[in-house]
Amino acid sequence: MTIETKRDVVEAILLAKDTDTIWDSSNVRYYLNRYDAALPDDLPVIPKAVGEWIKECKHRNVTLADTLCMEMRPENIRNWMAFKDGDIANDFDRAGYLRKQDLMASAYLLGVWRVEETGEVVKL
């Protein structure tokens, strides 16, 4: 699995441009293939527990709607989405809730994300 991003490939091209690289069709095709295989630059960053929930849902063929459904989500995922810092003592955070819904949906749909705690890239 590659963890190279599209930006990494562009940077590699710029570095190669400053060398004696011969830009024939095979070299161009090589970089195009790397670019096609590379991950998006703006991967969603989510906590490990949220990633585990997404993996479980994908494994069980749960729809995105049900993955995001409050009644279906484990309590720790509900708290992460609804409350500032995931702490139920804090009031409901509507803006944070909507942002985290988008993050979770992006991770689910892309099938790839970065783990908040470790920076690890997970690709389904």
Foldseek 3Di string as FASTA:
>chain_A
DDAAELVNLVVVVVVVVPDPDDDDPVVVVVSVVVNVPHHHPDFQEEAPVLVVLLVVCVVVVNDLVLSLDPVNDPLQVNLQLFAVVSDPVGHGDVVSNVVVSVSSSRCNVQQWHAHNVPRDIGHD
